[in-house]
N, C-alpha and C. Protein backbone atom coordinates (compact mmCIF):
# COMPACT_ATOMS: atom_id res chain seq x y z
N MET A 1 -55.27 62.80 14.14
CA MET A 1 -54.50 62.63 12.94
C MET A 1 -55.44 62.25 11.79
N VAL A 2 -55.22 62.83 10.60
CA VAL A 2 -56.02 62.53 9.43
C VAL A 2 -55.53 61.22 8.83
N LYS A 3 -56.43 60.30 8.62
CA LYS A 3 -56.06 59.01 8.04
C LYS A 3 -55.73 59.20 6.57
N ILE A 4 -54.85 58.32 6.05
CA ILE A 4 -54.39 58.44 4.67
C ILE A 4 -55.55 58.46 3.67
N HIS A 5 -56.57 57.65 3.91
CA HIS A 5 -57.68 57.61 2.96
C HIS A 5 -58.54 58.88 3.01
N GLU A 6 -58.29 59.76 3.97
CA GLU A 6 -59.02 61.01 4.07
C GLU A 6 -58.23 62.20 3.53
N ARG A 7 -56.94 62.00 3.24
CA ARG A 7 -56.11 63.07 2.71
C ARG A 7 -56.52 63.38 1.29
N LYS A 8 -56.66 64.66 1.00
CA LYS A 8 -57.07 65.06 -0.34
C LYS A 8 -55.88 65.52 -1.16
N PHE A 9 -55.89 65.15 -2.44
CA PHE A 9 -54.87 65.58 -3.39
C PHE A 9 -55.55 65.92 -4.71
N VAL A 10 -54.82 66.59 -5.57
CA VAL A 10 -55.36 67.01 -6.87
C VAL A 10 -55.35 65.81 -7.81
N SER A 11 -56.48 65.57 -8.44
CA SER A 11 -56.61 64.50 -9.41
C SER A 11 -57.23 65.05 -10.68
N VAL A 12 -56.95 64.38 -11.80
CA VAL A 12 -57.45 64.83 -13.09
C VAL A 12 -58.41 63.80 -13.67
N ASP A 13 -59.41 64.30 -14.36
CA ASP A 13 -60.30 63.45 -15.15
C ASP A 13 -59.75 63.50 -16.57
N PRO A 14 -59.09 62.44 -17.04
CA PRO A 14 -58.47 62.49 -18.36
C PRO A 14 -59.46 62.68 -19.51
N GLU A 15 -60.73 62.40 -19.26
CA GLU A 15 -61.73 62.62 -20.29
C GLU A 15 -62.07 64.10 -20.45
N LYS A 16 -61.76 64.89 -19.43
CA LYS A 16 -62.03 66.33 -19.49
C LYS A 16 -60.79 67.15 -19.82
N CYS A 17 -59.61 66.65 -19.46
CA CYS A 17 -58.36 67.41 -19.64
C CYS A 17 -58.04 67.53 -21.13
N VAL A 18 -57.86 68.76 -21.60
CA VAL A 18 -57.54 69.02 -23.00
C VAL A 18 -56.07 69.37 -23.20
N GLY A 19 -55.31 69.37 -22.13
CA GLY A 19 -53.88 69.65 -22.24
C GLY A 19 -53.54 71.12 -22.44
N CYS A 20 -54.41 72.01 -22.01
CA CYS A 20 -54.22 73.45 -22.24
C CYS A 20 -53.09 74.05 -21.39
N GLN A 21 -52.74 73.39 -20.31
CA GLN A 21 -51.68 73.80 -19.39
C GLN A 21 -52.02 75.04 -18.55
N VAL A 22 -53.28 75.43 -18.52
CA VAL A 22 -53.68 76.56 -17.68
C VAL A 22 -53.34 76.27 -16.22
N CYS A 23 -53.47 75.00 -15.80
CA CYS A 23 -53.14 74.64 -14.42
C CYS A 23 -51.67 74.92 -14.12
N GLU A 24 -50.78 74.63 -15.07
CA GLU A 24 -49.36 74.89 -14.89
C GLU A 24 -49.08 76.38 -14.75
N TYR A 25 -49.73 77.18 -15.60
CA TYR A 25 -49.52 78.63 -15.54
C TYR A 25 -50.10 79.23 -14.26
N ALA A 26 -51.27 78.74 -13.84
CA ALA A 26 -51.88 79.24 -12.60
C ALA A 26 -50.98 78.90 -11.41
N CYS A 27 -50.43 77.71 -11.40
CA CYS A 27 -49.56 77.28 -10.31
C CYS A 27 -48.27 78.10 -10.29
N SER A 28 -47.61 78.19 -11.43
CA SER A 28 -46.33 78.90 -11.46
C SER A 28 -46.51 80.38 -11.10
N PHE A 29 -47.61 80.98 -11.54
CA PHE A 29 -47.83 82.39 -11.19
C PHE A 29 -48.13 82.53 -9.70
N SER A 30 -48.93 81.61 -9.17
CA SER A 30 -49.27 81.65 -7.75
C SER A 30 -48.03 81.47 -6.87
N LYS A 31 -47.17 80.56 -7.24
CA LYS A 31 -45.99 80.23 -6.42
C LYS A 31 -44.76 81.06 -6.73
N GLU A 32 -44.57 81.42 -8.00
CA GLU A 32 -43.32 82.04 -8.43
C GLU A 32 -43.48 83.44 -9.03
N LYS A 33 -44.72 83.87 -9.17
CA LYS A 33 -45.02 85.16 -9.81
C LYS A 33 -44.45 85.22 -11.23
N ALA A 34 -44.49 84.07 -11.91
CA ALA A 34 -44.02 83.97 -13.29
C ALA A 34 -44.89 82.95 -14.02
N PHE A 35 -45.27 83.28 -15.24
CA PHE A 35 -46.01 82.32 -16.07
C PHE A 35 -44.99 81.41 -16.75
N ASN A 36 -44.55 80.38 -16.02
CA ASN A 36 -43.50 79.49 -16.51
C ASN A 36 -43.82 78.07 -16.06
N PRO A 37 -44.26 77.22 -16.99
CA PRO A 37 -44.61 75.84 -16.61
C PRO A 37 -43.46 75.06 -15.97
N LEU A 38 -42.23 75.45 -16.22
CA LEU A 38 -41.10 74.75 -15.61
C LEU A 38 -41.01 75.02 -14.11
N LYS A 39 -41.75 76.02 -13.64
CA LYS A 39 -41.77 76.34 -12.22
C LYS A 39 -43.08 75.94 -11.55
N SER A 40 -43.86 75.14 -12.24
CA SER A 40 -45.16 74.69 -11.74
C SER A 40 -45.01 73.44 -10.89
N ARG A 41 -45.92 73.28 -9.92
CA ARG A 41 -45.93 72.09 -9.07
C ARG A 41 -46.86 71.03 -9.63
N ILE A 42 -47.47 71.30 -10.76
CA ILE A 42 -48.33 70.34 -11.46
C ILE A 42 -47.83 70.29 -12.89
N ARG A 43 -47.87 69.12 -13.48
CA ARG A 43 -47.39 68.94 -14.85
C ARG A 43 -48.47 68.28 -15.70
N VAL A 44 -48.65 68.80 -16.91
CA VAL A 44 -49.55 68.16 -17.86
C VAL A 44 -48.70 67.23 -18.71
N VAL A 45 -49.11 65.98 -18.75
CA VAL A 45 -48.39 64.98 -19.51
C VAL A 45 -49.32 64.47 -20.61
N ARG A 46 -48.85 64.53 -21.83
CA ARG A 46 -49.64 64.02 -22.96
C ARG A 46 -49.39 62.51 -23.04
N VAL A 47 -50.43 61.73 -22.77
CA VAL A 47 -50.33 60.28 -22.75
C VAL A 47 -50.30 59.73 -24.18
N ASN A 48 -51.17 60.26 -25.02
CA ASN A 48 -51.18 59.93 -26.44
C ASN A 48 -51.76 61.13 -27.18
N GLN A 49 -52.16 60.96 -28.42
CA GLN A 49 -52.61 62.12 -29.19
C GLN A 49 -53.84 62.80 -28.63
N ILE A 50 -54.65 62.07 -27.89
CA ILE A 50 -55.88 62.69 -27.38
C ILE A 50 -56.02 62.67 -25.87
N ALA A 51 -55.18 61.94 -25.18
CA ALA A 51 -55.32 61.83 -23.72
C ALA A 51 -54.22 62.61 -23.01
N ASN A 52 -54.62 63.38 -22.01
CA ASN A 52 -53.71 64.17 -21.19
C ASN A 52 -53.94 63.83 -19.73
N MET A 53 -52.89 63.97 -18.96
CA MET A 53 -52.97 63.74 -17.52
C MET A 53 -52.23 64.86 -16.82
N ALA A 54 -52.78 65.35 -15.74
CA ALA A 54 -52.08 66.30 -14.90
C ALA A 54 -51.49 65.51 -13.74
N VAL A 55 -50.22 65.72 -13.48
CA VAL A 55 -49.50 64.96 -12.47
C VAL A 55 -49.08 65.88 -11.34
N THR A 56 -49.38 65.47 -10.11
CA THR A 56 -48.97 66.21 -8.92
C THR A 56 -48.87 65.25 -7.74
N CYS A 57 -48.46 65.74 -6.61
CA CYS A 57 -48.22 64.91 -5.42
C CYS A 57 -49.49 64.19 -4.98
N ARG A 58 -49.34 62.90 -4.66
CA ARG A 58 -50.47 62.07 -4.23
C ARG A 58 -50.51 61.86 -2.71
N LEU A 59 -49.62 62.51 -1.97
CA LEU A 59 -49.61 62.42 -0.50
C LEU A 59 -49.56 60.97 -0.03
N CYS A 60 -48.60 60.24 -0.53
CA CYS A 60 -48.45 58.81 -0.22
C CYS A 60 -48.41 58.56 1.28
N GLU A 61 -48.89 57.39 1.67
CA GLU A 61 -48.88 57.01 3.08
C GLU A 61 -47.44 56.87 3.60
N GLU A 62 -46.60 56.26 2.82
CA GLU A 62 -45.18 56.13 3.14
C GLU A 62 -44.40 56.69 1.95
N PRO A 63 -44.23 58.00 1.88
CA PRO A 63 -43.65 58.62 0.69
C PRO A 63 -42.21 58.20 0.43
N ALA A 64 -42.00 57.65 -0.75
CA ALA A 64 -40.66 57.21 -1.15
C ALA A 64 -39.71 58.39 -1.28
N CYS A 65 -40.24 59.56 -1.64
CA CYS A 65 -39.39 60.74 -1.78
C CYS A 65 -38.74 61.11 -0.45
N VAL A 66 -39.51 61.05 0.62
CA VAL A 66 -38.99 61.38 1.95
C VAL A 66 -37.95 60.35 2.37
N ALA A 67 -38.24 59.08 2.15
CA ALA A 67 -37.32 58.01 2.52
C ALA A 67 -36.02 58.08 1.73
N ALA A 68 -36.09 58.53 0.49
CA ALA A 68 -34.91 58.55 -0.39
C ALA A 68 -33.96 59.71 -0.11
N CYS A 69 -34.43 60.74 0.55
CA CYS A 69 -33.59 61.93 0.76
C CYS A 69 -32.45 61.65 1.74
N PRO A 70 -31.21 61.71 1.25
CA PRO A 70 -30.08 61.41 2.13
C PRO A 70 -29.75 62.51 3.14
N ARG A 71 -30.35 63.68 2.95
CA ARG A 71 -30.05 64.82 3.83
C ARG A 71 -31.22 65.17 4.76
N ASP A 72 -32.25 64.35 4.77
CA ASP A 72 -33.45 64.60 5.59
C ASP A 72 -34.04 65.98 5.33
N ALA A 73 -34.03 66.40 4.07
CA ALA A 73 -34.57 67.70 3.69
C ALA A 73 -36.08 67.66 3.51
N LEU A 74 -36.64 66.47 3.33
CA LEU A 74 -38.08 66.32 3.12
C LEU A 74 -38.73 65.69 4.34
N THR A 75 -39.89 66.20 4.70
CA THR A 75 -40.69 65.62 5.76
C THR A 75 -42.14 65.60 5.31
N GLN A 76 -42.94 64.81 5.98
CA GLN A 76 -44.36 64.76 5.67
C GLN A 76 -45.16 65.18 6.89
N ASP A 77 -46.08 66.10 6.68
CA ASP A 77 -46.97 66.55 7.74
C ASP A 77 -47.91 65.41 8.11
N GLU A 78 -47.94 65.04 9.38
CA GLU A 78 -48.77 63.92 9.82
C GLU A 78 -50.26 64.20 9.64
N GLN A 79 -50.67 65.44 9.75
CA GLN A 79 -52.09 65.78 9.62
C GLN A 79 -52.55 65.78 8.17
N THR A 80 -51.85 66.55 7.33
CA THR A 80 -52.31 66.75 5.95
C THR A 80 -51.67 65.80 4.95
N GLY A 81 -50.51 65.26 5.29
CA GLY A 81 -49.78 64.42 4.35
C GLY A 81 -48.90 65.22 3.40
N ALA A 82 -48.95 66.55 3.50
CA ALA A 82 -48.17 67.39 2.61
C ALA A 82 -46.67 67.19 2.83
N ILE A 83 -45.94 67.20 1.75
CA ILE A 83 -44.48 67.06 1.79
C ILE A 83 -43.90 68.47 1.91
N THR A 84 -43.04 68.66 2.90
CA THR A 84 -42.39 69.96 3.06
C THR A 84 -40.88 69.80 2.90
N LEU A 85 -40.27 70.89 2.46
CA LEU A 85 -38.85 70.88 2.16
C LEU A 85 -38.11 71.88 3.03
N ASP A 86 -37.00 71.46 3.57
CA ASP A 86 -36.07 72.37 4.24
C ASP A 86 -35.02 72.73 3.18
N LYS A 87 -35.19 73.91 2.59
CA LYS A 87 -34.33 74.33 1.48
C LYS A 87 -32.85 74.39 1.86
N ASP A 88 -32.58 74.63 3.12
CA ASP A 88 -31.18 74.71 3.56
C ASP A 88 -30.50 73.33 3.55
N LYS A 89 -31.29 72.27 3.65
CA LYS A 89 -30.72 70.93 3.66
C LYS A 89 -30.63 70.31 2.26
N CYS A 90 -31.47 70.77 1.35
CA CYS A 90 -31.52 70.17 0.01
C CYS A 90 -30.33 70.61 -0.83
N ASN A 91 -29.65 69.61 -1.42
CA ASN A 91 -28.53 69.93 -2.31
C ASN A 91 -28.86 69.62 -3.77
N GLY A 92 -30.13 69.28 -4.05
CA GLY A 92 -30.56 69.03 -5.42
C GLY A 92 -30.07 67.72 -5.99
N CYS A 93 -29.78 66.74 -5.16
CA CYS A 93 -29.24 65.46 -5.64
C CYS A 93 -30.22 64.72 -6.54
N GLY A 94 -31.52 64.92 -6.33
CA GLY A 94 -32.54 64.31 -7.19
C GLY A 94 -32.98 62.91 -6.79
N TRP A 95 -32.50 62.39 -5.68
CA TRP A 95 -32.91 61.05 -5.27
C TRP A 95 -34.41 60.97 -5.04
N CYS A 96 -34.98 62.03 -4.51
CA CYS A 96 -36.43 62.05 -4.26
C CYS A 96 -37.20 62.05 -5.58
N ILE A 97 -36.65 62.72 -6.58
CA ILE A 97 -37.29 62.76 -7.90
C ILE A 97 -37.34 61.35 -8.48
N GLU A 98 -36.24 60.64 -8.39
CA GLU A 98 -36.17 59.26 -8.88
C GLU A 98 -37.09 58.34 -8.09
N ALA A 99 -37.24 58.58 -6.81
CA ALA A 99 -38.02 57.70 -5.94
C ALA A 99 -39.52 57.86 -6.12
N CYS A 100 -39.98 59.03 -6.54
CA CYS A 100 -41.42 59.30 -6.64
C CYS A 100 -42.05 58.50 -7.78
N ASP A 101 -43.01 57.64 -7.44
CA ASP A 101 -43.69 56.82 -8.44
C ASP A 101 -44.62 57.63 -9.35
N TYR A 102 -44.94 58.85 -8.95
CA TYR A 102 -45.91 59.64 -9.70
C TYR A 102 -45.30 60.79 -10.49
N GLY A 103 -44.00 60.98 -10.39
CA GLY A 103 -43.36 62.08 -11.11
C GLY A 103 -43.73 63.44 -10.56
N ALA A 104 -44.03 63.50 -9.28
CA ALA A 104 -44.51 64.74 -8.68
C ALA A 104 -43.41 65.65 -8.14
N MET A 105 -42.24 65.09 -7.91
CA MET A 105 -41.12 65.88 -7.39
C MET A 105 -40.37 66.51 -8.56
N MET A 106 -40.04 67.79 -8.44
CA MET A 106 -39.34 68.47 -9.51
C MET A 106 -38.17 69.27 -8.98
N LEU A 107 -37.21 69.52 -9.84
CA LEU A 107 -36.05 70.33 -9.48
C LEU A 107 -36.26 71.73 -10.05
N HIS A 108 -36.19 72.73 -9.19
CA HIS A 108 -36.41 74.10 -9.61
C HIS A 108 -35.32 74.49 -10.61
N PRO A 109 -35.71 75.07 -11.75
CA PRO A 109 -34.72 75.37 -12.78
C PRO A 109 -33.68 76.42 -12.39
N GLU A 110 -33.97 77.24 -11.39
CA GLU A 110 -33.03 78.30 -10.98
C GLU A 110 -32.35 77.99 -9.65
N THR A 111 -33.13 77.61 -8.65
CA THR A 111 -32.56 77.40 -7.31
C THR A 111 -31.89 76.04 -7.16
N LYS A 112 -32.24 75.10 -8.05
CA LYS A 112 -31.70 73.74 -8.04
C LYS A 112 -32.00 72.97 -6.76
N VAL A 113 -33.13 73.29 -6.12
CA VAL A 113 -33.65 72.49 -5.01
C VAL A 113 -35.00 71.94 -5.46
N VAL A 114 -35.42 70.86 -4.83
CA VAL A 114 -36.68 70.24 -5.24
C VAL A 114 -37.88 71.05 -4.75
N TYR A 115 -38.99 70.81 -5.41
CA TYR A 115 -40.24 71.41 -4.97
C TYR A 115 -41.38 70.49 -5.36
N VAL A 116 -42.50 70.65 -4.66
CA VAL A 116 -43.63 69.75 -4.81
C VAL A 116 -44.91 70.51 -4.44
N CYS A 117 -46.02 70.03 -4.90
CA CYS A 117 -47.32 70.66 -4.61
C CYS A 117 -47.61 70.67 -3.11
N ASP A 118 -48.09 71.81 -2.63
CA ASP A 118 -48.52 71.91 -1.23
C ASP A 118 -50.00 72.28 -1.14
N LEU A 119 -50.73 72.05 -2.24
CA LEU A 119 -52.16 72.35 -2.34
C LEU A 119 -52.46 73.83 -2.11
N CYS A 120 -51.48 74.68 -2.40
CA CYS A 120 -51.64 76.13 -2.25
C CYS A 120 -52.16 76.49 -0.86
N LYS A 121 -51.54 75.89 0.15
CA LYS A 121 -52.02 76.07 1.53
C LYS A 121 -52.14 77.53 1.94
N GLU A 122 -51.30 78.40 1.41
CA GLU A 122 -51.40 79.82 1.79
C GLU A 122 -52.48 80.56 1.01
N LYS A 123 -52.99 79.95 -0.07
CA LYS A 123 -54.05 80.58 -0.87
C LYS A 123 -55.44 80.09 -0.47
N GLY A 124 -55.49 79.01 0.28
CA GLY A 124 -56.77 78.48 0.71
C GLY A 124 -57.32 77.38 -0.19
N GLU A 125 -57.01 77.42 -1.46
CA GLU A 125 -57.46 76.39 -2.39
C GLU A 125 -56.45 76.27 -3.52
N PRO A 126 -56.30 75.07 -4.08
CA PRO A 126 -55.36 74.90 -5.18
C PRO A 126 -55.74 75.77 -6.39
N GLN A 127 -54.81 76.58 -6.81
CA GLN A 127 -55.06 77.49 -7.92
C GLN A 127 -55.24 76.75 -9.24
N CYS A 128 -54.61 75.58 -9.38
CA CYS A 128 -54.78 74.80 -10.61
C CYS A 128 -56.25 74.40 -10.78
N ILE A 129 -56.89 74.00 -9.69
CA ILE A 129 -58.30 73.62 -9.74
C ILE A 129 -59.17 74.84 -10.03
N LYS A 130 -58.87 75.91 -9.35
CA LYS A 130 -59.66 77.14 -9.50
C LYS A 130 -59.68 77.64 -10.94
N TRP A 131 -58.55 77.54 -11.63
CA TRP A 131 -58.43 78.13 -12.97
C TRP A 131 -58.60 77.14 -14.11
N CYS A 132 -58.79 75.87 -13.85
CA CYS A 132 -58.96 74.88 -14.93
C CYS A 132 -60.24 75.18 -15.71
N PRO A 133 -60.12 75.55 -17.00
CA PRO A 133 -61.31 75.93 -17.77
C PRO A 133 -62.24 74.76 -18.09
N GLU A 134 -61.74 73.54 -18.01
CA GLU A 134 -62.55 72.36 -18.32
C GLU A 134 -63.07 71.66 -17.07
N GLU A 135 -62.73 72.20 -15.89
CA GLU A 135 -63.10 71.59 -14.61
C GLU A 135 -62.66 70.13 -14.56
N ALA A 136 -61.45 69.87 -15.08
CA ALA A 136 -60.90 68.52 -15.12
C ALA A 136 -60.18 68.15 -13.83
N LEU A 137 -59.87 69.14 -13.00
CA LEU A 137 -59.13 68.90 -11.77
C LEU A 137 -60.05 68.99 -10.56
N THR A 138 -59.87 68.06 -9.63
CA THR A 138 -60.65 68.07 -8.39
C THR A 138 -59.77 67.61 -7.24
N LEU A 139 -60.19 67.92 -6.03
CA LEU A 139 -59.55 67.39 -4.84
C LEU A 139 -60.25 66.08 -4.51
N VAL A 140 -59.48 65.02 -4.38
CA VAL A 140 -60.06 63.71 -4.08
C VAL A 140 -59.26 63.03 -2.99
N THR A 141 -59.83 61.99 -2.43
CA THR A 141 -59.11 61.11 -1.51
C THR A 141 -58.76 59.84 -2.28
N SER A 142 -57.88 59.06 -1.76
CA SER A 142 -57.53 57.80 -2.43
C SER A 142 -58.74 56.87 -2.49
N ASP A 143 -59.61 56.93 -1.48
CA ASP A 143 -60.82 56.11 -1.50
C ASP A 143 -61.75 56.52 -2.65
N THR A 144 -61.91 57.82 -2.85
CA THR A 144 -62.76 58.33 -3.93
C THR A 144 -62.20 57.91 -5.28
N LEU A 145 -60.89 58.02 -5.45
CA LEU A 145 -60.25 57.65 -6.70
C LEU A 145 -60.41 56.15 -6.96
N ALA A 146 -60.26 55.34 -5.93
CA ALA A 146 -60.43 53.89 -6.07
C ALA A 146 -61.87 53.56 -6.45
N GLN A 147 -62.84 54.25 -5.87
CA GLN A 147 -64.24 54.03 -6.19
C GLN A 147 -64.52 54.38 -7.65
N LYS A 148 -63.96 55.49 -8.13
CA LYS A 148 -64.14 55.88 -9.54
C LYS A 148 -63.53 54.83 -10.46
N ALA A 149 -62.37 54.29 -10.08
CA ALA A 149 -61.72 53.26 -10.89
C ALA A 149 -62.59 52.00 -10.95
N ARG A 150 -63.17 51.62 -9.82
CA ARG A 150 -64.03 50.44 -9.79
C ARG A 150 -65.26 50.64 -10.68
N ILE A 151 -65.86 51.80 -10.59
CA ILE A 151 -67.04 52.09 -11.41
C ILE A 151 -66.67 52.05 -12.89
N GLY A 152 -65.52 52.63 -13.23
CA GLY A 152 -65.06 52.62 -14.62
C GLY A 152 -64.81 51.21 -15.12
N ALA A 153 -64.22 50.37 -14.28
CA ALA A 153 -63.96 48.98 -14.66
C ALA A 153 -65.26 48.21 -14.86
N ILE A 154 -66.22 48.45 -14.00
CA ILE A 154 -67.52 47.77 -14.11
C ILE A 154 -68.23 48.20 -15.39
N LYS A 155 -68.20 49.49 -15.70
CA LYS A 155 -68.82 49.98 -16.94
C LYS A 155 -68.15 49.35 -18.16
N LYS A 156 -66.84 49.25 -18.13
CA LYS A 156 -66.11 48.65 -19.24
C LYS A 156 -66.49 47.18 -19.41
N LEU A 157 -66.54 46.44 -18.30
CA LEU A 157 -66.95 45.04 -18.36
C LEU A 157 -68.37 44.89 -18.89
N PHE A 158 -69.26 45.76 -18.45
CA PHE A 158 -70.65 45.73 -18.90
C PHE A 158 -70.72 45.95 -20.41
N GLN A 159 -69.98 46.95 -20.91
CA GLN A 159 -69.97 47.24 -22.35
C GLN A 159 -69.40 46.07 -23.14
N GLU A 160 -68.34 45.44 -22.63
CA GLU A 160 -67.75 44.29 -23.31
C GLU A 160 -68.70 43.10 -23.32
N SER A 161 -69.43 42.90 -22.23
CA SER A 161 -70.38 41.78 -22.18
C SER A 161 -71.53 42.01 -23.15
N LYS A 162 -71.94 43.26 -23.32
CA LYS A 162 -73.00 43.59 -24.27
C LYS A 162 -72.55 43.31 -25.69
N LYS A 163 -71.29 43.63 -26.01
CA LYS A 163 -70.75 43.37 -27.34
C LYS A 163 -70.70 41.87 -27.61
N GLU A 164 -70.26 41.10 -26.61
CA GLU A 164 -70.14 39.65 -26.78
C GLU A 164 -71.51 38.99 -26.94
N SER A 165 -72.51 39.51 -26.24
CA SER A 165 -73.83 38.91 -26.32
C SER A 165 -74.49 39.19 -27.69
N LYS A 166 -74.06 40.25 -28.38
CA LYS A 166 -74.60 40.58 -29.70
C LYS A 166 -73.98 39.71 -30.79
N GLN A 167 -72.82 39.11 -30.49
CA GLN A 167 -72.14 38.32 -31.51
C GLN A 167 -72.67 36.95 -31.65
């Protein structure tokens, strides 16, 4: 069994993301054969005027979306952590959407059943990463992401201490 800290998911570098939405178009075309961001499994969210974030499934260790589903339509693969949907069981109630802390669960605009990123398992690699013109998207583990956050925090503290020492 793959341990949670070894599961890879799509992550964005907000310093590189320009909000072009190419990832959304690549995803929707790959999955739905339509260039329609509303059918994408990844979403670009504008945080402020200059910062953008791409949001997708984080393969949680204990996914709230799966626990929230009253019809047992969602399951998690023990090996990969991927969330899978039994479309016949889903009635589009949206409880999983509300339960997801990352905003990764979406309701399909036509079928009215939920859908979520599966890392393009049938394509071999996530198409959002492949087509990102800024190389802002990467596959990471939670450990890698935590390490990047620690390094960022240390750099920020170092810069603040340098400013204080100059005063």
